[in-house]
Amino acid sequence: MKKALAVLALSLCVLPAMAATSMAHIQPGSCEKPAWPRESLRALEKGRVILAFLVGEDGKLNETTVLRSSGFARLDRAAVEGLALCQFKPAIEDGKPIAAWARIAYAWTFENQGLSSSELSAMERSARQGAAASQFELGKIYLSGRAGKRNVEAGTQWIRRAADQGLAGAQVAMALTKISSRRFNNTSEETVDWLRKAAAQDHPAGLYLLARVMMAQVKTAEAQPLMDRAVAQQHPEAMSLAGVQLLDNGRSEDLPRATALLQQAAAKGDNNAHWMLAESYAIGRGLPQSNELAVEHLRPAAIAGIGPAQRELGLAYATGKGIKQDAALARLWRDAADETDKRKARADAEAQANPDK
């Protein structure tokens, strides 16, 4: 598994007060390609991670931070470890080397990471024999492209066969093929039917997604019991949303429950919960005021691409509130927030232009 980490784009951003004659950069041909984490391959994890790295005057890598997560902590860590294997050239200003930050984007794709023919044959044999779990896994493999070229038609067919057999995870997957960007309005009857089948088996994601569809249709009486069941199953997004709803009620007696739900959701990796907890610590809402703990929760939310969290983290670095003051990192996070805002504006414009997509 040699070709595991492919560089998609390289964006170098030097941040001293004056423009550098040459930017900090990776020495061409100096990087070894790290192996793809085995657990990530098995889980079909892929994505794009943006790293910022500080190259010292001596050309050594002094610091690395994740600016935008791939969505998977294992892949982010492997990208950081891979960058550490490289050699660097410092930025040059007025003929002298200076310490400067730069950025790089890595993409984890399934190129040259296909299953062996024997592995694929064994899974196809099991799927054809009617094993729903194998059908579901085979469908996900075809959709991911790990079996070679991505095959949406074959992947969807195998997942549908597993869903028809009553596998709740496959039923949720079928619904998600029709829910674009988690927009829950204009949901088809077929999508609702798949979610109802999954929810009937108490599948946490099925309960949560069906609750969101019912909320979008203003069917609160049906949505709330579903959301309560999803929270009882400790679905992270359900706990996070329930916590936010309690905060929005504005009742002081709801604060302990809201905070507990957000803390549980954050512990399970929900980044919106991290963002809300950061806000709570910053203003002392239901929690002791603490700039340090606010920053602790801001970071995962910012890395996940939540624009307001990126902006607040940049402000924290600019002012030294809860973290060591660092003008360069402040600018990096402000730039990241600006990029997130632009992406969101483009996505919103596309959604308005294509409301049925």
Protein backbone atom coordinates (compact mmCIF):
# COMPACT_ATOMS: atom_id res chain seq x y z
CA MET A 1 0.00 0.00 0.00
CA LYS A 2 2.46 2.56 -1.11
CA LYS A 3 0.40 5.16 -2.89
CA ALA A 4 -1.78 6.02 0.06
CA LEU A 5 -1.56 9.75 0.40
CA ALA A 6 -2.08 11.87 -2.70
CA VAL A 7 -1.38 15.59 -2.67
CA LEU A 8 -4.42 17.33 -4.17
CA ALA A 9 -3.32 20.91 -3.82
CA LEU A 10 -0.55 22.95 -2.30
CA SER A 11 -1.39 26.41 -1.02
CA LEU A 12 1.49 28.17 0.67
CA CYS A 13 0.60 31.18 2.77
CA VAL A 14 3.50 33.05 4.38
CA LEU A 15 2.46 35.27 7.21
CA PRO A 16 5.21 37.65 8.41
CA ALA A 17 4.57 41.38 8.32
CA MET A 18 6.52 41.87 5.06
CA ALA A 19 6.22 39.74 1.95
CA ALA A 20 8.88 37.08 1.66
CA THR A 21 11.11 36.81 -1.41
CA SER A 22 10.42 33.07 -1.42
CA MET A 23 7.89 31.13 0.59
CA ALA A 24 8.42 28.26 2.97
CA HIS A 25 7.97 25.01 1.08
CA ILE A 26 8.50 21.27 1.04
CA GLN A 27 11.65 20.14 -0.76
CA PRO A 28 10.49 18.33 -3.91
CA GLY A 29 10.86 14.57 -3.71
CA SER A 30 11.65 14.63 0.02
CA CYS A 31 8.39 13.11 1.31
CA GLU A 32 7.80 9.44 1.89
CA LYS A 33 4.24 8.28 1.36
CA PRO A 34 2.80 6.85 4.57
CA ALA A 35 0.64 3.75 4.56
CA TRP A 36 -3.09 4.26 4.74
CA PRO A 37 -4.32 3.43 8.27
CA ARG A 38 -5.70 -0.12 8.09
CA GLU A 39 -8.69 0.74 10.27
CA SER A 40 -9.54 3.61 7.91
CA LEU A 41 -9.40 1.33 4.88
CA ARG A 42 -11.69 -1.19 6.53
CA ALA A 43 -14.12 1.59 7.49
CA LEU A 44 -13.94 3.08 3.94
CA GLU A 45 -12.78 6.42 5.32
CA LYS A 46 -11.59 8.98 2.81
CA GLY A 47 -11.42 12.75 2.61
CA ARG A 48 -9.34 15.89 2.23
CA VAL A 49 -7.39 17.47 5.07
CA ILE A 50 -5.81 20.93 5.11
CA LEU A 51 -2.72 21.35 7.28
CA ALA A 52 -0.84 24.46 8.33
CA PHE A 53 2.83 24.02 9.18
CA LEU A 54 5.50 26.30 10.61
CA VAL A 55 8.98 26.07 9.09
CA GLY A 56 11.74 27.60 11.20
CA GLU A 57 14.69 29.67 10.01
CA ASP A 58 16.76 26.49 10.02
CA GLY A 59 14.33 24.70 7.70
CA LYS A 60 13.02 22.41 10.42
CA LEU A 61 9.33 21.69 10.94
CA ASN A 62 8.43 23.43 14.20
CA GLU A 63 4.68 22.97 14.38
CA THR A 64 1.74 21.47 12.49
CA THR A 65 -1.96 22.10 12.98
CA VAL A 66 -5.06 20.77 11.22
CA LEU A 67 -6.98 23.65 9.62
CA ARG A 68 -9.72 21.52 8.07
CA SER A 69 -10.39 17.91 8.98
CA SER A 70 -10.91 15.11 6.49
CA GLY A 71 -13.78 14.11 8.74
CA PHE A 72 -11.77 11.26 10.24
CA ALA A 73 -9.25 11.66 13.07
CA ARG A 74 -7.15 8.69 11.92
CA LEU A 75 -6.63 10.18 8.46
CA ASP A 76 -5.83 13.59 9.96
CA ARG A 77 -3.19 12.06 12.25
CA ALA A 78 -1.68 10.07 9.39
CA ALA A 79 -1.43 13.23 7.26
CA VAL A 80 0.34 15.06 10.10
CA GLU A 81 2.70 12.10 10.53
CA GLY A 82 3.32 12.00 6.78
CA LEU A 83 4.19 15.70 6.68
CA ALA A 84 6.73 15.16 9.46
CA LEU A 85 8.63 12.80 7.13
CA CYS A 86 9.28 15.61 4.64
CA GLN A 87 12.18 18.05 4.41
CA PHE A 88 11.59 21.78 4.13
CA LYS A 89 13.05 25.03 2.89
CA PRO A 90 12.47 28.16 4.99
CA ALA A 91 10.91 31.34 3.65
CA ILE A 92 13.42 33.96 2.54
CA GLU A 93 12.98 37.68 3.18
CA ASP A 94 15.61 40.27 2.20
CA GLY A 95 18.03 37.44 1.54
CA LYS A 96 17.64 35.93 5.03
CA PRO A 97 15.72 32.84 6.15
CA ILE A 98 12.71 33.53 8.36
CA ALA A 99 10.21 31.40 10.25
CA ALA A 100 6.89 31.29 8.38
CA TRP A 101 3.66 29.32 8.17
CA ALA A 102 2.49 27.53 5.04
CA ARG A 103 -0.50 25.40 4.10
CA ILE A 104 -0.96 22.15 2.24
CA ALA A 105 -4.00 20.07 1.32
CA TYR A 106 -3.79 16.28 1.27
CA ALA A 107 -6.42 13.97 -0.21
CA TRP A 108 -6.99 10.42 0.89
CA THR A 109 -8.63 8.63 -2.04
CA PHE A 110 -8.99 4.95 -2.86
CA GLU A 111 -6.72 5.15 -5.89
CA ASN A 112 -4.55 2.00 -5.92
CA GLN A 113 -6.13 0.88 -2.65
CA GLY A 114 -8.49 -1.66 -4.17
CA LEU A 115 -9.41 -4.98 -2.62
CA SER A 116 -7.60 -8.04 -3.89
CA SER A 117 -9.56 -10.07 -6.41
CA SER A 118 -9.88 -12.91 -3.87
CA GLU A 119 -11.29 -10.56 -1.21
CA LEU A 120 -13.79 -9.07 -3.62
CA SER A 121 -14.81 -12.50 -4.95
CA ALA A 122 -15.41 -13.81 -1.43
CA MET A 123 -17.60 -10.83 -0.56
CA GLU A 124 -19.55 -11.09 -3.83
CA ARG A 125 -20.10 -14.81 -3.23
CA SER A 126 -21.47 -14.15 0.24
CA ALA A 127 -23.66 -11.31 -1.05
CA ARG A 128 -25.11 -13.48 -3.83
CA GLN A 129 -25.89 -16.16 -1.28
CA GLY A 130 -28.16 -13.63 0.41
CA ALA A 131 -26.12 -12.42 3.39
CA ALA A 132 -27.54 -8.95 4.02
CA ALA A 133 -24.44 -7.73 5.87
CA SER A 134 -22.23 -8.73 2.92
CA GLN A 135 -24.61 -7.08 0.47
CA PHE A 136 -24.44 -3.85 2.47
CA GLU A 137 -20.64 -3.91 2.72
CA LEU A 138 -20.27 -4.74 -0.97
CA GLY A 139 -22.58 -1.87 -1.87
CA LYS A 140 -20.54 0.57 0.19
CA ILE A 141 -17.33 -0.69 -1.44
CA TYR A 142 -18.73 -0.14 -4.94
CA LEU A 143 -19.95 3.34 -3.97
CA SER A 144 -16.60 4.28 -2.43
CA GLY A 145 -14.56 3.18 -5.43
CA ARG A 146 -12.42 0.78 -3.45
CA ALA A 147 -13.36 -2.01 -5.85
CA GLY A 148 -11.80 0.00 -8.67
CA LYS A 149 -13.81 2.60 -10.52
CA ARG A 150 -16.71 3.95 -8.45
CA ASN A 151 -19.92 2.18 -9.49
CA VAL A 152 -22.98 4.01 -8.14
CA GLU A 153 -25.49 1.76 -9.87
CA ALA A 154 -24.03 -1.51 -8.58
CA GLY A 155 -23.44 -0.06 -5.12
CA THR A 156 -27.01 1.19 -4.80
CA GLN A 157 -28.42 -2.12 -6.04
CA TRP A 158 -26.52 -4.12 -3.43
CA ILE A 159 -27.49 -1.76 -0.63
CA ARG A 160 -31.13 -1.92 -1.75
CA ARG A 161 -31.03 -5.72 -1.60
CA ALA A 162 -29.74 -5.54 1.97
CA ALA A 163 -32.38 -2.95 2.85
CA ASP A 164 -35.13 -5.11 1.33
CA GLN A 165 -34.01 -7.88 3.68
CA GLY A 166 -34.59 -5.56 6.63
CA LEU A 167 -31.04 -4.47 7.49
CA ALA A 168 -31.61 -1.16 9.27
CA GLY A 169 -28.22 0.36 8.40
CA ALA A 170 -28.86 -0.30 4.70
CA GLN A 171 -32.34 1.23 4.99
CA VAL A 172 -30.79 4.41 6.42
CA ALA A 173 -28.19 4.36 3.63
CA MET A 174 -30.95 4.14 1.01
CA ALA A 175 -32.66 7.15 2.59
CA LEU A 176 -29.43 9.13 2.64
CA THR A 177 -29.00 8.68 -1.11
CA LYS A 178 -32.11 10.86 -1.46
CA ILE A 179 -31.43 13.44 1.28
CA SER A 180 -29.12 16.00 -0.31
CA SER A 181 -26.75 17.83 2.04
CA ARG A 182 -28.98 17.01 5.00
CA ARG A 183 -31.79 19.17 3.59
CA PHE A 184 -34.92 17.59 5.00
CA ASN A 185 -37.58 19.44 3.02
CA ASN A 186 -39.00 17.95 -0.16
CA THR A 187 -38.27 14.44 1.09
CA SER A 188 -39.79 11.71 -1.07
CA GLU A 189 -42.27 9.13 0.19
CA GLU A 190 -39.75 6.39 -0.58
CA THR A 191 -37.14 8.09 1.64
CA VAL A 192 -39.61 8.45 4.50
CA ASP A 193 -40.60 4.79 4.07
CA TRP A 194 -36.97 3.64 4.40
CA LEU A 195 -36.52 5.78 7.51
CA ARG A 196 -39.72 4.47 9.07
CA LYS A 197 -38.50 0.90 8.58
CA ALA A 198 -35.15 1.70 10.20
CA ALA A 199 -36.80 3.64 13.03
CA ALA A 200 -39.12 0.70 13.70
CA GLN A 201 -35.96 -1.26 14.56
CA ASP A 202 -34.81 1.55 16.88
CA HIS A 203 -31.87 2.35 14.62
CA PRO A 204 -30.44 5.59 16.13
CA ALA A 205 -29.71 7.33 12.82
CA GLY A 206 -33.07 6.21 11.43
CA LEU A 207 -34.86 7.71 14.42
CA TYR A 208 -32.90 10.96 14.21
CA LEU A 209 -33.28 11.44 10.46
CA LEU A 210 -36.98 10.63 10.51
CA ALA A 211 -37.42 13.12 13.35
CA ARG A 212 -35.65 15.78 11.25
CA VAL A 213 -37.92 15.04 8.27
CA MET A 214 -41.01 15.33 10.49
CA MET A 215 -39.69 18.61 11.93
CA ALA A 216 -39.18 19.97 8.40
CA GLN A 217 -42.78 19.02 7.66
CA VAL A 218 -43.88 20.75 10.89
CA LYS A 219 -45.19 17.46 12.30
CA THR A 220 -43.95 18.18 15.81
CA ALA A 221 -46.23 15.66 17.52
CA GLU A 222 -44.59 12.86 15.52
CA ALA A 223 -41.08 14.34 15.51
CA GLN A 224 -40.59 14.75 19.25
CA PRO A 225 -41.06 11.09 20.31
CA LEU A 226 -38.68 10.05 17.54
CA MET A 227 -36.09 12.58 18.70
CA ASP A 228 -36.52 11.43 22.31
CA ARG A 229 -35.89 7.83 21.25
CA ALA A 230 -32.78 8.87 19.29
CA VAL A 231 -31.49 10.75 22.34
CA ALA A 232 -32.17 7.68 24.49
CA GLN A 233 -30.03 5.71 22.01
CA GLN A 234 -27.30 8.35 22.53
CA HIS A 235 -27.20 9.41 18.90
CA PRO A 236 -24.68 12.32 18.92
CA GLU A 237 -26.52 14.63 16.52
CA ALA A 238 -29.82 14.00 18.31
CA MET A 239 -28.29 14.84 21.68
CA SER A 240 -26.67 17.95 20.24
CA LEU A 241 -29.89 19.18 18.65
CA ALA A 242 -31.89 18.45 21.80
CA GLY A 243 -29.35 20.41 23.83
CA VAL A 244 -29.56 23.38 21.46
CA GLN A 245 -33.35 23.31 21.56
CA LEU A 246 -33.27 23.45 25.36
CA LEU A 247 -30.85 26.39 25.24
CA ASP A 248 -33.13 28.16 22.79
CA ASN A 249 -36.00 27.83 25.24
CA GLY A 250 -34.16 30.35 27.41
CA ARG A 251 -35.27 28.78 30.68
CA SER A 252 -32.64 28.61 33.41
CA GLU A 253 -34.08 25.33 34.71
CA ASP A 254 -33.24 23.72 31.32
CA LEU A 255 -29.54 24.66 31.43
CA PRO A 256 -28.26 21.60 33.36
CA ARG A 257 -29.99 19.16 31.01
CA ALA A 258 -28.94 21.13 27.91
CA THR A 259 -25.32 21.23 29.06
CA ALA A 260 -25.27 17.53 29.90
CA LEU A 261 -26.63 16.62 26.46
CA LEU A 262 -24.08 18.82 24.71
CA GLN A 263 -21.23 17.36 26.77
CA GLN A 264 -22.33 13.82 25.92
CA ALA A 265 -22.64 14.68 22.23
CA ALA A 266 -19.22 16.37 22.18
CA ALA A 267 -17.67 13.33 23.86
CA LYS A 268 -19.03 11.26 20.97
CA GLY A 269 -17.45 13.63 18.43
CA ASP A 270 -20.32 15.96 17.53
CA ASN A 271 -18.66 19.21 16.47
CA ASN A 272 -21.76 21.38 16.70
CA ALA A 273 -21.92 20.39 20.36
CA HIS A 274 -18.29 21.49 20.76
CA TRP A 275 -19.21 24.85 19.22
CA MET A 276 -22.15 25.36 21.58
CA LEU A 277 -20.04 24.35 24.60
CA ALA A 278 -17.35 26.82 23.53
CA GLU A 279 -19.97 29.55 23.54
CA SER A 280 -21.27 28.40 26.94
CA TYR A 281 -17.82 28.48 28.51
CA ALA A 282 -17.06 31.86 26.93
CA ILE A 283 -20.12 33.54 28.44
CA GLY A 284 -20.61 31.37 31.53
CA ARG A 285 -23.94 29.95 30.34
CA GLY A 286 -24.70 26.96 32.54
CA LEU A 287 -20.98 26.41 33.05
CA PRO A 288 -18.20 28.28 34.90
CA GLN A 289 -16.79 30.98 32.62
CA SER A 290 -13.45 29.82 31.20
CA ASN A 291 -11.65 31.17 28.14
CA GLU A 292 -9.28 28.19 28.23
CA LEU A 293 -12.11 25.63 28.10
CA ALA A 294 -13.88 27.71 25.46
CA VAL A 295 -10.79 27.40 23.23
CA GLU A 296 -10.57 23.67 24.00
CA HIS A 297 -14.02 23.24 22.46
CA LEU A 298 -13.52 25.82 19.72
CA ARG A 299 -10.64 23.88 18.18
CA PRO A 300 -12.51 20.70 17.11
CA ALA A 301 -15.42 22.81 15.87
CA ALA A 302 -13.06 25.00 13.84
CA ILE A 303 -11.18 22.00 12.44
CA ALA A 304 -14.53 20.53 11.37
CA GLY A 305 -15.13 23.62 9.24
CA ILE A 306 -17.68 25.50 11.37
CA GLY A 307 -17.08 29.05 10.16
CA PRO A 308 -18.04 30.99 13.33
CA ALA A 309 -15.80 28.70 15.38
CA GLN A 310 -12.90 29.31 12.99
CA ARG A 311 -13.42 33.05 13.32
CA GLU A 312 -13.63 32.90 17.12
CA LEU A 313 -10.49 30.75 17.31
CA GLY A 314 -8.71 33.32 15.16
CA LEU A 315 -9.89 36.04 17.54
CA ALA A 316 -8.63 34.04 20.52
CA TYR A 317 -5.18 33.80 18.93
CA ALA A 318 -5.27 37.51 18.09
CA THR A 319 -6.17 38.60 21.64
CA GLY A 320 -4.49 35.84 23.66
CA LYS A 321 -7.82 35.01 25.32
CA GLY A 322 -7.59 31.46 26.61
CA ILE A 323 -4.54 30.66 24.49
CA LYS A 324 -1.07 32.01 23.77
CA GLN A 325 -1.27 35.03 21.49
CA ASP A 326 -0.10 34.28 17.96
CA ALA A 327 -0.75 36.75 15.14
CA ALA A 328 0.19 34.27 12.40
CA LEU A 329 -2.26 31.61 13.59
CA ALA A 330 -4.88 34.30 14.09
CA ARG A 331 -4.59 35.19 10.43
CA LEU A 332 -4.62 31.56 9.32
CA TRP A 333 -7.90 30.94 11.14
CA ARG A 334 -9.45 34.19 9.89
CA ASP A 335 -8.53 33.18 6.34
CA ALA A 336 -10.03 29.72 6.93
CA ALA A 337 -13.25 31.35 8.14
CA ASP A 338 -13.39 33.56 5.05
CA GLU A 339 -12.97 30.51 2.81
CA THR A 340 -15.73 28.68 4.70
CA ASP A 341 -18.06 31.66 4.27
CA LYS A 342 -17.39 31.70 0.52
CA ARG A 343 -18.07 27.95 0.22
CA LYS A 344 -21.31 28.34 2.14
CA ALA A 345 -22.40 31.25 -0.04
CA ARG A 346 -21.76 29.17 -3.18
CA ALA A 347 -23.63 26.19 -1.73
CA ASP A 348 -26.59 28.38 -0.72
CA ALA A 349 -26.72 29.95 -4.18
CA GLU A 350 -26.66 26.51 -5.79
CA ALA A 351 -29.41 25.29 -3.45
CA GLN A 352 -31.59 28.26 -4.38
CA ALA A 353 -30.96 27.68 -8.07
CA ASN A 354 -31.74 23.95 -7.75
CA PRO A 355 -34.29 23.64 -4.91
CA ASP A 356 -35.33 20.10 -5.83
CA LYS A 357 -31.82 18.67 -5.83
